[in-house]
Amino acid sequence: MEFSNMNHLDYDALNTLRDVMEGDFPLLIDTFILDSTERLQKLHTIINSANADLIRRSAHSFKGSSSNIGAIQLAALCASLEKKALDGDLVNLDQDLRAIEQEYAQVENLLRAMLQVSR
């Protein structure tokens, strides 16, 4: 089954990954979900510490993994947080993190739905 709705995910990229990864595609998705959960927990801790460099690096890392999986809006939100930290703008980071968490929840649900179809 091909997915074409691109509100939260780049399904062309995901379908290509699924074709390339074949039987390991579910492992890739499961790993992304597990890693993302850990990244969100880490971001909570780091944002509370107000360490701009740690926030920037953590957001950059989450942006990269999100981009690799085709989570385009999630990657964009992480890029925005990364830029704010790079600029030393540490105001209202909790709002940025909430937006990232909300988008991640959408992405996770869509990826799990895609896995149900793939398995």
PDB file of N, CA and C in Angstrom:
ATOM      1  N   MET A   1       0.839  -1.176   0.000  1.00  0.00           N
ATOM      2  CA  MET A   1       0.000   0.000   0.000  1.00  0.00           C
ATOM      3  C   MET A   1       0.882   1.237   0.000  1.00  0.00           C
ATOM      4  N   GLU A   2       0.631   2.176  -0.882  1.00  0.00           N
ATOM      5  CA  GLU A   2       1.391   3.409  -0.972  1.00  0.00           C
ATOM      6  C   GLU A   2       0.675   4.504  -0.203  1.00  0.00           C
ATOM      7  N   PHE A   3       1.444   5.302   0.508  1.00  0.00           N
ATOM      8  CA  PHE A   3       0.907   6.434   1.243  1.00  0.00           C
ATOM      9  C   PHE A   3       1.293   7.695   0.492  1.00  0.00           C
ATOM     10  N   SER A   4       0.376   8.653   0.404  1.00  0.00           N
ATOM     11  CA  SER A   4       0.705   9.867  -0.334  1.00  0.00           C
ATOM     12  C   SER A   4       0.422  11.150   0.442  1.00  0.00           C
ATOM     13  N   ASN A   5      -0.266  11.088   1.582  1.00  0.00           N
ATOM     14  CA  ASN A   5      -0.555  12.281   2.365  1.00  0.00           C
ATOM     15  C   ASN A   5       0.738  12.779   2.999  1.00  0.00           C
ATOM     16  N   MET A   6       1.091  14.041   2.703  1.00  0.00           N
ATOM     17  CA  MET A   6       2.378  14.543   3.171  1.00  0.00           C
ATOM     18  C   MET A   6       2.234  15.629   4.233  1.00  0.00           C
ATOM     19  N   ASN A   7       1.162  15.605   5.027  1.00  0.00           N
ATOM     20  CA  ASN A   7       1.008  16.615   6.060  1.00  0.00           C
ATOM     21  C   ASN A   7       2.112  16.557   7.110  1.00  0.00           C
ATOM     22  N   HIS A   8       2.477  15.363   7.525  1.00  0.00           N
ATOM     23  CA  HIS A   8       3.468  15.211   8.582  1.00  0.00           C
ATOM     24  C   HIS A   8       4.682  14.412   8.133  1.00  0.00           C
ATOM     25  N   LEU A   9       4.496  13.553   7.163  1.00  0.00           N
ATOM     26  CA  LEU A   9       5.565  12.667   6.712  1.00  0.00           C
ATOM     27  C   LEU A   9       5.754  12.758   5.204  1.00  0.00           C
ATOM     28  N   ASP A  10       6.987  12.544   4.786  1.00  0.00           N
ATOM     29  CA  ASP A  10       7.303  12.428   3.367  1.00  0.00           C
ATOM     30  C   ASP A  10       7.172  10.935   3.027  1.00  0.00           C
ATOM     31  N   TYR A  11       5.997  10.580   2.544  1.00  0.00           N
ATOM     32  CA  TYR A  11       5.725   9.157   2.284  1.00  0.00           C
ATOM     33  C   TYR A  11       6.518   8.614   1.111  1.00  0.00           C
ATOM     34  N   ASP A  12       6.917   9.466   0.180  1.00  0.00           N
ATOM     35  CA  ASP A  12       7.791   8.995  -0.898  1.00  0.00           C
ATOM     36  C   ASP A  12       9.113   8.504  -0.306  1.00  0.00           C
ATOM     37  N   ALA A  13       9.665   9.293   0.612  1.00  0.00           N
ATOM     38  CA  ALA A  13      10.916   8.891   1.263  1.00  0.00           C
ATOM     39  C   ALA A  13      10.718   7.624   2.093  1.00  0.00           C
ATOM     40  N   LEU A  14       9.601   7.565   2.818  1.00  0.00           N
ATOM     41  CA  LEU A  14       9.332   6.381   3.629  1.00  0.00           C
ATOM     42  C   LEU A  14       9.119   5.141   2.780  1.00  0.00           C
ATOM     43  N   ASN A  15       8.406   5.290   1.677  1.00  0.00           N
ATOM     44  CA  ASN A  15       8.193   4.141   0.791  1.00  0.00           C
ATOM     45  C   ASN A  15       9.514   3.667   0.183  1.00  0.00           C
ATOM     46  N   THR A  16      10.404   4.608  -0.126  1.00  0.00           N
ATOM     47  CA  THR A  16      11.726   4.239  -0.632  1.00  0.00           C
ATOM     48  C   THR A  16      12.509   3.500   0.448  1.00  0.00           C
ATOM     49  N   LEU A  17      12.465   4.032   1.684  1.00  0.00           N
ATOM     50  CA  LEU A  17      13.128   3.348   2.796  1.00  0.00           C
ATOM     51  C   LEU A  17      12.576   1.941   2.991  1.00  0.00           C
ATOM     52  N   ARG A  18      11.264   1.819   2.907  1.00  0.00           N
ATOM     53  CA  ARG A  18      10.633   0.505   3.084  1.00  0.00           C
ATOM     54  C   ARG A  18      11.104  -0.466   1.997  1.00  0.00           C
ATOM     55  N   ASP A  19      11.200   0.026   0.758  1.00  0.00           N
ATOM     56  CA  ASP A  19      11.655  -0.826  -0.337  1.00  0.00           C
ATOM     57  C   ASP A  19      13.112  -1.250  -0.154  1.00  0.00           C
ATOM     58  N   VAL A  20      13.945  -0.319   0.299  1.00  0.00           N
ATOM     59  CA  VAL A  20      15.368  -0.604   0.482  1.00  0.00           C
ATOM     60  C   VAL A  20      15.602  -1.493   1.706  1.00  0.00           C
ATOM     61  N   MET A  21      14.920  -1.172   2.796  1.00  0.00           N
ATOM     62  CA  MET A  21      15.126  -1.885   4.059  1.00  0.00           C
ATOM     63  C   MET A  21      14.442  -3.251   4.093  1.00  0.00           C
ATOM     64  N   GLU A  22      13.411  -3.409   3.276  1.00  0.00           N
ATOM     65  CA  GLU A  22      12.628  -4.641   3.209  1.00  0.00           C
ATOM     66  C   GLU A  22      12.201  -5.090   4.602  1.00  0.00           C
ATOM     67  N   GLY A  23      12.631  -6.253   5.043  1.00  0.00           N
ATOM     68  CA  GLY A  23      12.199  -6.815   6.324  1.00  0.00           C
ATOM     69  C   GLY A  23      12.691  -6.056   7.537  1.00  0.00           C
ATOM     70  N   ASP A  24      13.701  -5.217   7.368  1.00  0.00           N
ATOM     71  CA  ASP A  24      14.233  -4.439   8.478  1.00  0.00           C
ATOM     72  C   ASP A  24      13.520  -3.099   8.652  1.00  0.00           C
ATOM     73  N   PHE A  25      12.570  -2.795   7.763  1.00  0.00           N
ATOM     74  CA  PHE A  25      11.856  -1.521   7.870  1.00  0.00           C
ATOM     75  C   PHE A  25      11.141  -1.359   9.211  1.00  0.00           C
ATOM     76  N   PRO A  26      10.424  -2.372   9.701  1.00  0.00           N
ATOM     77  CA  PRO A  26       9.786  -2.215  11.019  1.00  0.00           C
ATOM     78  C   PRO A  26      10.796  -1.921  12.132  1.00  0.00           C
ATOM     79  N   LEU A  27      11.983  -2.524  12.066  1.00  0.00           N
ATOM     80  CA  LEU A  27      13.025  -2.262  13.054  1.00  0.00           C
ATOM     81  C   LEU A  27      13.471  -0.800  12.987  1.00  0.00           C
ATOM     82  N   LEU A  28      13.588  -0.267  11.780  1.00  0.00           N
ATOM     83  CA  LEU A  28      13.960   1.135  11.599  1.00  0.00           C
ATOM     84  C   LEU A  28      12.939   2.051  12.258  1.00  0.00           C
ATOM     85  N   ILE A  29      11.673   1.780  12.032  1.00  0.00           N
ATOM     86  CA  ILE A  29      10.604   2.603  12.608  1.00  0.00           C
ATOM     87  C   ILE A  29      10.590   2.461  14.130  1.00  0.00           C
ATOM     88  N   ASP A  30      10.682   1.224  14.616  1.00  0.00           N
ATOM     89  CA  ASP A  30      10.701   0.992  16.064  1.00  0.00           C
ATOM     90  C   ASP A  30      11.880   1.710  16.720  1.00  0.00           C
ATOM     91  N   THR A  31      13.040   1.679  16.071  1.00  0.00           N
ATOM     92  CA  THR A  31      14.231   2.339  16.598  1.00  0.00           C
ATOM     93  C   THR A  31      14.037   3.851  16.627  1.00  0.00           C
ATOM     94  N   PHE A  32      13.458   4.407  15.557  1.00  0.00           N
ATOM     95  CA  PHE A  32      13.191   5.847  15.531  1.00  0.00           C
ATOM     96  C   PHE A  32      12.257   6.236  16.675  1.00  0.00           C
ATOM     97  N   ILE A  33      11.212   5.461  16.891  1.00  0.00           N
ATOM     98  CA  ILE A  33      10.249   5.769  17.954  1.00  0.00           C
ATOM     99  C   ILE A  33      10.924   5.709  19.323  1.00  0.00           C
ATOM    100  N   LEU A  34      11.697   4.665  19.571  1.00  0.00           N
ATOM    101  CA  LEU A  34      12.395   4.533  20.848  1.00  0.00           C
ATOM    102  C   LEU A  34      13.395   5.672  21.044  1.00  0.00           C
ATOM    103  N   ASP A  35      14.194   5.942  20.022  1.00  0.00           N
ATOM    104  CA  ASP A  35      15.184   7.023  20.117  1.00  0.00           C
ATOM    105  C   ASP A  35      14.515   8.377  20.319  1.00  0.00           C
ATOM    106  N   SER A  36      13.417   8.601  19.634  1.00  0.00           N
ATOM    107  CA  SER A  36      12.717   9.885  19.739  1.00  0.00           C
ATOM    108  C   SER A  36      12.160  10.107  21.136  1.00  0.00           C
ATOM    109  N   THR A  37      11.648   9.062  21.733  1.00  0.00           N
ATOM    110  CA  THR A  37      11.145   9.158  23.100  1.00  0.00           C
ATOM    111  C   THR A  37      12.270   9.577  24.039  1.00  0.00           C
ATOM    112  N   GLU A  38      13.439   8.978  23.858  1.00  0.00           N
ATOM    113  CA  GLU A  38      14.602   9.333  24.674  1.00  0.00           C
ATOM    114  C   GLU A  38      15.059  10.764  24.380  1.00  0.00           C
ATOM    115  N   ARG A  39      15.016  11.162  23.106  1.00  0.00           N
ATOM    116  CA  ARG A  39      15.429  12.521  22.731  1.00  0.00           C
ATOM    117  C   ARG A  39      14.504  13.559  23.366  1.00  0.00           C
ATOM    118  N   LEU A  40      13.209  13.272  23.396  1.00  0.00           N
ATOM    119  CA  LEU A  40      12.263  14.206  24.012  1.00  0.00           C
ATOM    120  C   LEU A  40      12.515  14.343  25.512  1.00  0.00           C
ATOM    121  N   GLN A  41      12.777  13.219  26.166  1.00  0.00           N
ATOM    122  CA  GLN A  41      13.087  13.268  27.602  1.00  0.00           C
ATOM    123  C   GLN A  41      14.347  14.090  27.846  1.00  0.00           C
ATOM    124  N   LYS A  42      15.340  13.886  27.008  1.00  0.00           N
ATOM    125  CA  LYS A  42      16.591  14.628  27.138  1.00  0.00           C
ATOM    126  C   LYS A  42      16.360  16.115  26.904  1.00  0.00           C
ATOM    127  N   LEU A  43      15.557  16.455  25.894  1.00  0.00           N
ATOM    128  CA  LEU A  43      15.265  17.861  25.633  1.00  0.00           C
ATOM    129  C   LEU A  43      14.590  18.529  26.830  1.00  0.00           C
ATOM    130  N   HIS A  44      13.680  17.816  27.490  1.00  0.00           N
ATOM    131  CA  HIS A  44      13.042  18.358  28.698  1.00  0.00           C
ATOM    132  C   HIS A  44      14.091  18.728  29.736  1.00  0.00           C
ATOM    133  N   THR A  45      15.002  17.829  29.984  1.00  0.00           N
ATOM    134  CA  THR A  45      16.039  18.061  30.980  1.00  0.00           C
ATOM    135  C   THR A  45      16.947  19.205  30.562  1.00  0.00           C
ATOM    136  N   ILE A  46      17.369  19.195  29.318  1.00  0.00           N
ATOM    137  CA  ILE A  46      18.304  20.209  28.829  1.00  0.00           C
ATOM    138  C   ILE A  46      17.657  21.587  28.804  1.00  0.00           C
ATOM    139  N   ILE A  47      16.416  21.669  28.363  1.00  0.00           N
ATOM    140  CA  ILE A  47      15.740  22.962  28.315  1.00  0.00           C
ATOM    141  C   ILE A  47      15.603  23.540  29.718  1.00  0.00           C
ATOM    142  N   ASN A  48      15.343  22.698  30.683  1.00  0.00           N
ATOM    143  CA  ASN A  48      15.254  23.171  32.065  1.00  0.00           C
ATOM    144  C   ASN A  48      16.599  23.681  32.581  1.00  0.00           C
ATOM    145  N   SER A  49      17.697  23.183  32.015  1.00  0.00           N
ATOM    146  CA  SER A  49      19.023  23.628  32.438  1.00  0.00           C
ATOM    147  C   SER A  49      19.431  24.928  31.750  1.00  0.00           C
ATOM    148  N   ALA A  50      18.739  25.284  30.661  1.00  0.00           N
ATOM    149  CA  ALA A  50      19.006  26.520  29.904  1.00  0.00           C
ATOM    150  C   ALA A  50      20.429  26.577  29.350  1.00  0.00           C
ATOM    151  N   ASN A  51      20.975  25.437  28.987  1.00  0.00           N
ATOM    152  CA  ASN A  51      22.295  25.383  28.372  1.00  0.00           C
ATOM    153  C   ASN A  51      22.113  25.435  26.850  1.00  0.00           C
ATOM    154  N   ALA A  52      22.380  26.594  26.266  1.00  0.00           N
ATOM    155  CA  ALA A  52      22.109  26.823  24.839  1.00  0.00           C
ATOM    156  C   ALA A  52      22.843  25.826  23.942  1.00  0.00           C
ATOM    157  N   ASP A  53      24.100  25.522  24.253  1.00  0.00           N
ATOM    158  CA  ASP A  53      24.859  24.613  23.398  1.00  0.00           C
ATOM    159  C   ASP A  53      24.292  23.199  23.441  1.00  0.00           C
ATOM    160  N   LEU A  54      23.917  22.732  24.633  1.00  0.00           N
ATOM    161  CA  LEU A  54      23.322  21.398  24.734  1.00  0.00           C
ATOM    162  C   LEU A  54      21.963  21.340  24.032  1.00  0.00           C
ATOM    163  N   ILE A  55      21.189  22.399  24.175  1.00  0.00           N
ATOM    164  CA  ILE A  55      19.885  22.454  23.493  1.00  0.00           C
ATOM    165  C   ILE A  55      20.093  22.406  21.989  1.00  0.00           C
ATOM    166  N   ARG A  56      21.032  23.197  21.495  1.00  0.00           N
ATOM    167  CA  ARG A  56      21.310  23.237  20.055  1.00  0.00           C
ATOM    168  C   ARG A  56      21.731  21.866  19.534  1.00  0.00           C
ATOM    169  N   ARG A  57      22.658  21.234  20.240  1.00  0.00           N
ATOM    170  CA  ARG A  57      23.136  19.919  19.782  1.00  0.00           C
ATOM    171  C   ARG A  57      22.042  18.862  19.831  1.00  0.00           C
ATOM    172  N   SER A  58      21.246  18.879  20.875  1.00  0.00           N
ATOM    173  CA  SER A  58      20.158  17.909  21.003  1.00  0.00           C
ATOM    174  C   SER A  58      19.104  18.128  19.918  1.00  0.00           C
ATOM    175  N   ALA A  59      18.743  19.390  19.687  1.00  0.00           N
ATOM    176  CA  ALA A  59      17.759  19.704  18.641  1.00  0.00           C
ATOM    177  C   ALA A  59      18.305  19.329  17.274  1.00  0.00           C
ATOM    178  N   HIS A  60      19.596  19.566  17.051  1.00  0.00           N
ATOM    179  CA  HIS A  60      20.228  19.217  15.771  1.00  0.00           C
ATOM    180  C   HIS A  60      20.172  17.709  15.520  1.00  0.00           C
ATOM    181  N   SER A  61      20.464  16.948  16.561  1.00  0.00           N
ATOM    182  CA  SER A  61      20.441  15.492  16.451  1.00  0.00           C
ATOM    183  C   SER A  61      19.029  14.978  16.151  1.00  0.00           C
ATOM    184  N   PHE A  62      18.031  15.530  16.860  1.00  0.00           N
ATOM    185  CA  PHE A  62      16.638  15.125  16.654  1.00  0.00           C
ATOM    186  C   PHE A  62      16.177  15.547  15.254  1.00  0.00           C
ATOM    187  N   LYS A  63      16.632  16.701  14.809  1.00  0.00           N
ATOM    188  CA  LYS A  63      16.307  17.172  13.455  1.00  0.00           C
ATOM    189  C   LYS A  63      16.821  16.169  12.417  1.00  0.00           C
ATOM    190  N   GLY A  64      18.051  15.712  12.599  1.00  0.00           N
ATOM    191  CA  GLY A  64      18.644  14.779  11.648  1.00  0.00           C
ATOM    192  C   GLY A  64      17.901  13.462  11.572  1.00  0.00           C
ATOM    193  N   SER A  65      17.583  12.887  12.721  1.00  0.00           N
ATOM    194  CA  SER A  65      16.871  11.602  12.701  1.00  0.00           C
ATOM    195  C   SER A  65      15.466  11.771  12.146  1.00  0.00           C
ATOM    196  N   SER A  66      14.829  12.890  12.441  1.00  0.00           N
ATOM    197  CA  SER A  66      13.478  13.158  11.922  1.00  0.00           C
ATOM    198  C   SER A  66      13.516  13.313  10.407  1.00  0.00           C
ATOM    199  N   SER A  67      14.505  14.026   9.942  1.00  0.00           N
ATOM    200  CA  SER A  67      14.659  14.224   8.501  1.00  0.00           C
ATOM    201  C   SER A  67      14.915  12.890   7.790  1.00  0.00           C
ATOM    202  N   ASN A  68      15.761  12.064   8.393  1.00  0.00           N
ATOM    203  CA  ASN A  68      16.088  10.772   7.789  1.00  0.00           C
ATOM    204  C   ASN A  68      14.872   9.873   7.640  1.00  0.00           C
ATOM    205  N   ILE A  69      13.919   9.980   8.554  1.00  0.00           N
ATOM    206  CA  ILE A  69      12.728   9.125   8.521  1.00  0.00           C
ATOM    207  C   ILE A  69      11.611   9.773   7.705  1.00  0.00           C
ATOM    208  N   GLY A  70      11.815  11.006   7.277  1.00  0.00           N
ATOM    209  CA  GLY A  70      10.802  11.681   6.467  1.00  0.00           C
ATOM    210  C   GLY A  70       9.795  12.483   7.272  1.00  0.00           C
ATOM    211  N   ALA A  71      10.110  12.760   8.526  1.00  0.00           N
ATOM    212  CA  ALA A  71       9.213  13.552   9.379  1.00  0.00           C
ATOM    213  C   ALA A  71       9.547  15.035   9.168  1.00  0.00           C
ATOM    214  N   ILE A  72       9.030  15.577   8.079  1.00  0.00           N
ATOM    215  CA  ILE A  72       9.459  16.893   7.612  1.00  0.00           C
ATOM    216  C   ILE A  72       9.068  18.030   8.553  1.00  0.00           C
ATOM    217  N   GLN A  73       7.865  18.015   9.068  1.00  0.00           N
ATOM    218  CA  GLN A  73       7.454  19.082   9.984  1.00  0.00           C
ATOM    219  C   GLN A  73       8.179  18.974  11.318  1.00  0.00           C
ATOM    220  N   LEU A  74       8.388  17.764  11.784  1.00  0.00           N
ATOM    221  CA  LEU A  74       9.120  17.551  13.027  1.00  0.00           C
ATOM    222  C   LEU A  74      10.555  18.054  12.871  1.00  0.00           C
ATOM    223  N   ALA A  75      11.174  17.743  11.750  1.00  0.00           N
ATOM    224  CA  ALA A  75      12.535  18.216  11.484  1.00  0.00           C
ATOM    225  C   ALA A  75      12.580  19.747  11.452  1.00  0.00           C
ATOM    226  N   ALA A  76      11.562  20.363  10.870  1.00  0.00           N
ATOM    227  CA  ALA A  76      11.512  21.826  10.795  1.00  0.00           C
ATOM    228  C   ALA A  76      11.372  22.446  12.186  1.00  0.00           C
ATOM    229  N   LEU A  77      10.550  21.845  13.033  1.00  0.00           N
ATOM    230  CA  LEU A  77      10.399  22.347  14.399  1.00  0.00           C
ATOM    231  C   LEU A  77      11.709  22.211  15.185  1.00  0.00           C
ATOM    232  N   CYS A  78      12.398  21.099  14.985  1.00  0.00           N
ATOM    233  CA  CYS A  78      13.689  20.900  15.646  1.00  0.00           C
ATOM    234  C   CYS A  78      14.717  21.897  15.113  1.00  0.00           C
ATOM    235  N   ALA A  79      14.674  22.186  13.813  1.00  0.00           N
ATOM    236  CA  ALA A  79      15.586  23.177  13.221  1.00  0.00           C
ATOM    237  C   ALA A  79      15.333  24.556  13.815  1.00  0.00           C
ATOM    238  N   SER A  80      14.073  24.876  14.039  1.00  0.00           N
ATOM    239  CA  SER A  80      13.729  26.164  14.648  1.00  0.00           C
ATOM    240  C   SER A  80      14.280  26.257  16.071  1.00  0.00           C
ATOM    241  N   LEU A  81      14.130  25.192  16.843  1.00  0.00           N
ATOM    242  CA  LEU A  81      14.669  25.160  18.203  1.00  0.00           C
ATOM    243  C   LEU A  81      16.197  25.251  18.166  1.00  0.00           C
ATOM    244  N   GLU A  82      16.803  24.549  17.231  1.00  0.00           N
ATOM    245  CA  GLU A  82      18.257  24.591  17.079  1.00  0.00           C
ATOM    246  C   GLU A  82      18.728  26.022  16.811  1.00  0.00           C
ATOM    247  N   LYS A  83      18.047  26.723  15.916  1.00  0.00           N
ATOM    248  CA  LYS A  83      18.416  28.102  15.574  1.00  0.00           C
ATOM    249  C   LYS A  83      18.237  29.031  16.770  1.00  0.00           C
ATOM    250  N   LYS A  84      17.131  28.865  17.491  1.00  0.00           N
ATOM    251  CA  LYS A  84      16.919  29.698  18.678  1.00  0.00           C
ATOM    252  C   LYS A  84      18.066  29.505  19.674  1.00  0.00           C
ATOM    253  N   ALA A  85      18.455  28.269  19.901  1.00  0.00           N
ATOM    254  CA  ALA A  85      19.544  27.998  20.841  1.00  0.00           C
ATOM    255  C   ALA A  85      20.858  28.568  20.313  1.00  0.00           C
ATOM    256  N   LEU A  86      21.098  28.438  19.016  1.00  0.00           N
ATOM    257  CA  LEU A  86      22.309  28.988  18.410  1.00  0.00           C
ATOM    258  C   LEU A  86      22.360  30.503  18.582  1.00  0.00           C
ATOM    259  N   ASP A  87      21.213  31.141  18.457  1.00  0.00           N
ATOM    260  CA  ASP A  87      21.117  32.597  18.618  1.00  0.00           C
ATOM    261  C   ASP A  87      21.090  33.027  20.088  1.00  0.00           C
ATOM    262  N   GLY A  88      21.055  32.061  21.000  1.00  0.00           N
ATOM    263  CA  GLY A  88      20.996  32.381  22.422  1.00  0.00           C
ATOM    264  C   GLY A  88      19.622  32.830  22.890  1.00  0.00           C
ATOM    265  N   ASP A  89      18.607  32.566  22.076  1.00  0.00           N
ATOM    266  CA  ASP A  89      17.231  32.944  22.401  1.00  0.00           C
ATOM    267  C   ASP A  89      16.589  31.804  23.187  1.00  0.00           C
ATOM    268  N   LEU A  90      16.648  31.888  24.498  1.00  0.00           N
ATOM    269  CA  LEU A  90      16.164  30.809  25.345  1.00  0.00           C
ATOM    270  C   LEU A  90      14.816  31.121  25.991  1.00  0.00           C
ATOM    271  N   VAL A  91      14.077  32.031  25.376  1.00  0.00           N
ATOM    272  CA  VAL A  91      12.767  32.437  25.879  1.00  0.00           C
ATOM    273  C   VAL A  91      11.698  31.528  25.284  1.00  0.00           C
ATOM    274  N   ASN A  92      10.778  31.084  26.114  1.00  0.00           N
ATOM    275  CA  ASN A  92       9.627  30.269  25.694  1.00  0.00           C
ATOM    276  C   ASN A  92      10.008  28.950  25.032  1.00  0.00           C
ATOM    277  N   LEU A  93      11.122  28.382  25.435  1.00  0.00           N
ATOM    278  CA  LEU A  93      11.529  27.096  24.858  1.00  0.00           C
ATOM    279  C   LEU A  93      10.550  25.986  25.204  1.00  0.00           C
ATOM    280  N   ASP A  94       9.850  26.137  26.332  1.00  0.00           N
ATOM    281  CA  ASP A  94       8.857  25.131  26.701  1.00  0.00           C
ATOM    282  C   ASP A  94       7.741  25.075  25.663  1.00  0.00           C
ATOM    283  N   GLN A  95       7.394  26.209  25.068  1.00  0.00           N
ATOM    284  CA  GLN A  95       6.380  26.226  24.006  1.00  0.00           C
ATOM    285  C   GLN A  95       6.898  25.528  22.753  1.00  0.00           C
ATOM    286  N   ASP A  96       8.169  25.758  22.432  1.00  0.00           N
ATOM    287  CA  ASP A  96       8.777  25.077  21.284  1.00  0.00           C
ATOM    288  C   ASP A  96       8.789  23.568  21.514  1.00  0.00           C
ATOM    289  N   LEU A  97       9.133  23.176  22.724  1.00  0.00           N
ATOM    290  CA  LEU A  97       9.169  21.750  23.042  1.00  0.00           C
ATOM    291  C   LEU A  97       7.774  21.135  22.965  1.00  0.00           C
ATOM    292  N   ARG A  98       6.758  21.856  23.433  1.00  0.00           N
ATOM    293  CA  ARG A  98       5.378  21.342  23.323  1.00  0.00           C
ATOM    294  C   ARG A  98       4.986  21.146  21.854  1.00  0.00           C
ATOM    295  N   ALA A  99       5.372  22.071  20.998  1.00  0.00           N
ATOM    296  CA  ALA A  99       5.076  21.931  19.564  1.00  0.00           C
ATOM    297  C   ALA A  99       5.782  20.711  18.984  1.00  0.00           C
ATOM    298  N   ILE A 100       7.020  20.497  19.398  1.00  0.00           N
ATOM    299  CA  ILE A 100       7.774  19.320  18.946  1.00  0.00           C
ATOM    300  C   ILE A 100       7.094  18.045  19.439  1.00  0.00           C
ATOM    301  N   GLU A 101       6.689  18.038  20.699  1.00  0.00           N
ATOM    302  CA  GLU A 101       6.020  16.857  21.257  1.00  0.00           C
ATOM    303  C   GLU A 101       4.700  16.574  20.539  1.00  0.00           C
ATOM    304  N   GLN A 102       3.939  17.607  20.246  1.00  0.00           N
ATOM    305  CA  GLN A 102       2.661  17.418  19.553  1.00  0.00           C
ATOM    306  C   GLN A 102       2.878  16.874  18.141  1.00  0.00           C
ATOM    307  N   GLU A 103       3.862  17.418  17.451  1.00  0.00           N
ATOM    308  CA  GLU A 103       4.149  16.926  16.104  1.00  0.00           C
ATOM    309  C   GLU A 103       4.672  15.502  16.158  1.00  0.00           C
ATOM    310  N   TYR A 104       5.548  15.227  17.134  1.00  0.00           N
ATOM    311  CA  TYR A 104       6.059  13.867  17.267  1.00  0.00           C
ATOM    312  C   TYR A 104       4.922  12.871  17.511  1.00  0.00           C
ATOM    313  N   ALA A 105       3.946  13.243  18.317  1.00  0.00           N
ATOM    314  CA  ALA A 105       2.804  12.347  18.577  1.00  0.00           C
ATOM    315  C   ALA A 105       2.085  12.025  17.275  1.00  0.00           C
ATOM    316  N   GLN A 106       1.910  13.008  16.422  1.00  0.00           N
ATOM    317  CA  GLN A 106       1.279  12.770  15.117  1.00  0.00           C
ATOM    318  C   GLN A 106       2.132  11.820  14.276  1.00  0.00           C
ATOM    319  N   VAL A 107       3.429  12.102  14.234  1.00  0.00           N
ATOM    320  CA  VAL A 107       4.358  11.281  13.451  1.00  0.00           C
ATOM    321  C   VAL A 107       4.365   9.844  13.964  1.00  0.00           C
ATOM    322  N   GLU A 108       4.437   9.689  15.267  1.00  0.00           N
ATOM    323  CA  GLU A 108       4.455   8.339  15.844  1.00  0.00           C
ATOM    324  C   GLU A 108       3.192   7.567  15.461  1.00  0.00           C
ATOM    325  N   ASN A 109       2.045   8.203  15.573  1.00  0.00           N
ATOM    326  CA  ASN A 109       0.788   7.534  15.206  1.00  0.00           C
ATOM    327  C   ASN A 109       0.779   7.134  13.736  1.00  0.00           C
ATOM    328  N   LEU A 110       1.240   8.015  12.875  1.00  0.00           N
ATOM    329  CA  LEU A 110       1.267   7.711  11.437  1.00  0.00           C
ATOM    330  C   LEU A 110       2.260   6.598  11.117  1.00  0.00           C
ATOM    331  N   LEU A 111       3.406   6.627  11.779  1.00  0.00           N
ATOM    332  CA  LEU A 111       4.395   5.563  11.549  1.00  0.00           C
ATOM    333  C   LEU A 111       3.884   4.216  12.049  1.00  0.00           C
ATOM    334  N   ARG A 112       3.226   4.213  13.193  1.00  0.00           N
ATOM    335  CA  ARG A 112       2.651   2.955  13.704  1.00  0.00           C
ATOM    336  C   ARG A 112       1.577   2.423  12.757  1.00  0.00           C
ATOM    337  N   ALA A 113       0.776   3.318  12.203  1.00  0.00           N
ATOM    338  CA  ALA A 113      -0.237   2.906  11.223  1.00  0.00           C
ATOM    339  C   ALA A 113       0.428   2.314   9.988  1.00  0.00           C
ATOM    340  N   MET A 114       1.503   2.940   9.563  1.00  0.00           N
ATOM    341  CA  MET A 114       2.238   2.432   8.405  1.00  0.00           C
ATOM    342  C   MET A 114       2.829   1.064   8.693  1.00  0.00           C
ATOM    343  N   LEU A 115       3.301   0.861   9.917  1.00  0.00           N
ATOM    344  CA  LEU A 115       3.842  -0.442  10.307  1.00  0.00           C
ATOM    345  C   LEU A 115       2.772  -1.521  10.279  1.00  0.00           C
ATOM    346  N   GLN A 116       1.564  -1.170  10.708  1.00  0.00           N
ATOM    347  CA  GLN A 116       0.473  -2.143  10.694  1.00  0.00           C
ATOM    348  C   GLN A 116       0.208  -2.639   9.276  1.00  0.00           C
ATOM    349  N   VAL A 117       0.314  -1.747   8.333  1.00  0.00           N
ATOM    350  CA  VAL A 117       0.095  -2.099   6.927  1.00  0.00           C
ATOM    351  C   VAL A 117       1.270  -2.924   6.397  1.00  0.00           C
ATOM    352  N   SER A 118       2.502  -2.610   6.887  1.00  0.00           N
ATOM    353  CA  SER A 118       3.711  -3.261   6.385  1.00  0.00           C
ATOM    354  C   SER A 118       3.886  -4.667   6.932  1.00  0.00           C
ATOM    355  N   ARG A 119       3.307  -4.943   8.093  1.00  0.00           N
ATOM    356  CA  ARG A 119       3.584  -6.243   8.750  1.00  0.00           C
ATOM    357  C   ARG A 119       2.678  -7.324   8.274  1.00  0.00           C
TER     358      ARG A 119
END
